[in-house]
C-alpha atoms as a PDB file:
ATOM      1  CA  UNK A   1      12.924  -5.777 -15.963  1.00  0.00           C
ATOM      2  CA  UNK A   2      12.350  -9.738 -15.179  1.00  0.00           C
ATOM      3  CA  UNK A   3       9.059 -10.166 -13.341  1.00  0.00           C
ATOM      4  CA  UNK A   4       8.551 -11.497  -9.735  1.00  0.00           C
ATOM      5  CA  UNK A   5       7.878 -15.093  -9.694  1.00  0.00           C
ATOM      6  CA  UNK A   6       8.793 -15.776  -5.782  1.00  0.00           C
ATOM      7  CA  UNK A   7       5.771 -14.598  -3.292  1.00  0.00           C
ATOM      8  CA  UNK A   8       8.680 -13.158  -0.513  1.00  0.00           C
ATOM      9  CA  UNK A   9       9.155 -10.741  -2.971  1.00  0.00           C
ATOM     10  CA  UNK A  10       6.576  -9.707  -4.420  1.00  0.00           C
ATOM     11  CA  UNK A  11       4.851  -9.404  -0.574  1.00  0.00           C
ATOM     12  CA  UNK A  12       8.361  -7.290   0.308  1.00  0.00           C
ATOM     13  CA  UNK A  13       7.657  -5.457  -3.547  1.00  0.00           C
ATOM     14  CA  UNK A  14       4.447  -4.675  -1.528  1.00  0.00           C
ATOM     15  CA  UNK A  15       5.321  -3.623   1.762  1.00  0.00           C
ATOM     16  CA  UNK A  16       8.380  -1.285  -0.331  1.00  0.00           C
ATOM     17  CA  UNK A  17       5.155   0.549  -2.374  1.00  0.00           C
ATOM     18  CA  UNK A  18       2.949   1.298   0.264  1.00  0.00           C
ATOM     19  CA  UNK A  19       5.715   2.425   2.656  1.00  0.00           C
ATOM     20  CA  UNK A  20       7.094   5.026  -0.284  1.00  0.00           C
ATOM     21  CA  UNK A  21       3.316   6.382  -0.415  1.00  0.00           C
ATOM     22  CA  UNK A  22       3.568   6.829   3.086  1.00  0.00           C
ATOM     23  CA  UNK A  23       7.219   8.072   3.034  1.00  0.00           C
ATOM     24  CA  UNK A  24       6.430  10.559   0.345  1.00  0.00           C
ATOM     25  CA  UNK A  25       2.374  12.105   1.420  1.00  0.00           C
ATOM     26  CA  UNK A  26       3.196  12.027   4.938  1.00  0.00           C
ATOM     27  CA  UNK A  27       0.420  15.176   5.000  1.00  0.00           C
ATOM     28  CA  UNK A  28      -2.499  13.505   2.760  1.00  0.00           C
ATOM     29  CA  UNK A  29      -1.769  10.090   5.213  1.00  0.00           C
ATOM     30  CA  UNK A  30      -2.620  12.376   8.328  1.00  0.00           C
ATOM     31  CA  UNK A  31      -5.315  13.751   6.876  1.00  0.00           C
ATOM     32  CA  UNK A  32      -7.034  11.080   5.239  1.00  0.00           C
ATOM     33  CA  UNK A  33      -6.958   9.403   9.188  1.00  0.00           C
ATOM     34  CA  UNK A  34      -7.788  12.613  10.614  1.00  0.00           C
ATOM     35  CA  UNK A  35     -10.597  12.472   8.081  1.00  0.00           C
ATOM     36  CA  UNK A  36     -11.627   8.848   7.545  1.00  0.00           C
ATOM     37  CA  UNK A  37     -10.782   9.383   4.206  1.00  0.00           C
ATOM     38  CA  UNK A  38      -8.003   7.843   3.752  1.00  0.00           C
ATOM     39  CA  UNK A  39      -8.458   6.043   0.458  1.00  0.00           C
ATOM     40  CA  UNK A  40     -10.089   8.738  -1.570  1.00  0.00           C
ATOM     41  CA  UNK A  41      -7.652  11.551  -0.098  1.00  0.00           C
ATOM     42  CA  UNK A  42      -4.682   8.798  -1.920  1.00  0.00           C
ATOM     43  CA  UNK A  43      -6.851   7.533  -4.380  1.00  0.00           C
ATOM     44  CA  UNK A  44      -4.141   8.525  -7.473  1.00  0.00           C
ATOM     45  CA  UNK A  45      -0.575   7.825  -5.090  1.00  0.00           C
ATOM     46  CA  UNK A  46      -2.516   3.389  -4.213  1.00  0.00           C
ATOM     47  CA  UNK A  47      -3.969   3.246  -7.856  1.00  0.00           C
ATOM     48  CA  UNK A  48      -0.273   4.058  -9.243  1.00  0.00           C
ATOM     49  CA  UNK A  49       1.485   2.016  -6.801  1.00  0.00           C
ATOM     50  CA  UNK A  50      -1.035  -1.339  -7.521  1.00  0.00           C
ATOM     51  CA  UNK A  51      -0.173  -1.076 -11.408  1.00  0.00           C
ATOM     52  CA  UNK A  52       3.033  -0.803 -10.663  1.00  0.00           C
ATOM     53  CA  UNK A  53       2.949  -3.851  -8.631  1.00  0.00           C
ATOM     54  CA  UNK A  54       1.327  -5.726 -11.028  1.00  0.00           C
ATOM     55  CA  UNK A  55       3.301  -4.912 -13.869  1.00  0.00           C
ATOM     56  CA  UNK A  56       6.289  -6.523 -11.840  1.00  0.00           C
ATOM     57  CA  UNK A  57       4.857  -9.553 -10.087  1.00  0.00           C
ATOM     58  CA  UNK A  58       3.503 -12.497 -12.712  1.00  0.00           C
ATOM     59  CA  UNK A  59       0.105 -13.427 -12.314  1.00  0.00           C
ATOM     60  CA  UNK A  60       0.225 -16.520 -11.271  1.00  0.00           C
ATOM     61  CA  UNK A  61       1.426 -14.965  -7.902  1.00  0.00           C
ATOM     62  CA  UNK A  62      -0.872 -12.350  -7.825  1.00  0.00           C
ATOM     63  CA  UNK A  63      -3.996 -13.894  -8.220  1.00  0.00           C
ATOM     64  CA  UNK A  64      -2.821 -16.643  -5.290  1.00  0.00           C
ATOM     65  CA  UNK A  65      -1.727 -13.789  -2.828  1.00  0.00           C
ATOM     66  CA  UNK A  66      -3.257 -10.395  -1.241  1.00  0.00           C
ATOM     67  CA  UNK A  67       0.414  -8.541  -0.533  1.00  0.00           C
ATOM     68  CA  UNK A  68      -1.198  -5.640  -1.953  1.00  0.00           C
ATOM     69  CA  UNK A  69      -3.999  -4.672   0.478  1.00  0.00           C
ATOM     70  CA  UNK A  70      -2.132  -6.543   3.373  1.00  0.00           C
ATOM     71  CA  UNK A  71       0.480  -3.943   2.766  1.00  0.00           C
ATOM     72  CA  UNK A  72      -2.051  -1.690   2.881  1.00  0.00           C
ATOM     73  CA  UNK A  73      -3.354  -2.890   6.430  1.00  0.00           C
ATOM     74  CA  UNK A  74       0.482  -3.502   7.544  1.00  0.00           C
ATOM     75  CA  UNK A  75       2.529  -0.381   6.635  1.00  0.00           C
ATOM     76  CA  UNK A  76      -0.285   2.271   5.874  1.00  0.00           C
ATOM     77  CA  UNK A  77      -2.714   2.161   8.882  1.00  0.00           C
ATOM     78  CA  UNK A  78      -1.301  -0.088  11.133  1.00  0.00           C
ATOM     79  CA  UNK A  79       2.284   2.601  11.683  1.00  0.00           C
ATOM     80  CA  UNK A  80       0.089   5.223  11.341  1.00  0.00           C
ATOM     81  CA  UNK A  81      -2.478   4.295  14.613  1.00  0.00           C
ATOM     82  CA  UNK A  82      -0.985   6.844  16.818  1.00  0.00           C
ATOM     83  CA  UNK A  83      -2.586   9.337  14.286  1.00  0.00           C
ATOM     84  CA  UNK A  84      -5.745  10.523  16.310  1.00  0.00           C
ATOM     85  CA  UNK A  85      -9.058   9.364  14.281  1.00  0.00           C
ATOM     86  CA  UNK A  86     -12.533   8.436  15.297  1.00  0.00           C
ATOM     87  CA  UNK A  87     -12.363   5.483  13.475  1.00  0.00           C
ATOM     88  CA  UNK A  88     -10.106   4.070  16.550  1.00  0.00           C
END
C-alpha cells in the first residue's frame, strides 16, 4: 500500500476511520456519551484506529496536522450531540 502524502487524503482517512468506529460501536458511543466515559469505553477501538491512521499517513503529514483528533471531535462528538448527556 502507498503512504498517504496529501493532507486532504489524510483528513478524509481520519474521518473515515472515526466514522467506522461510530458505525460499528453505536451502543458504546451512546453509553460513553451518557456516562461521560466515551474515551474509556472506546479505548481499544480508538487506539486501533489511530494506529491504522499512523501506518497509512506519512510522518511529515501527521506531524503538521491534527486530523485524527479533529475527526474525533467532528465525527464522534458533534454528530452524536443529540444523545442526552450531562456534559452538554
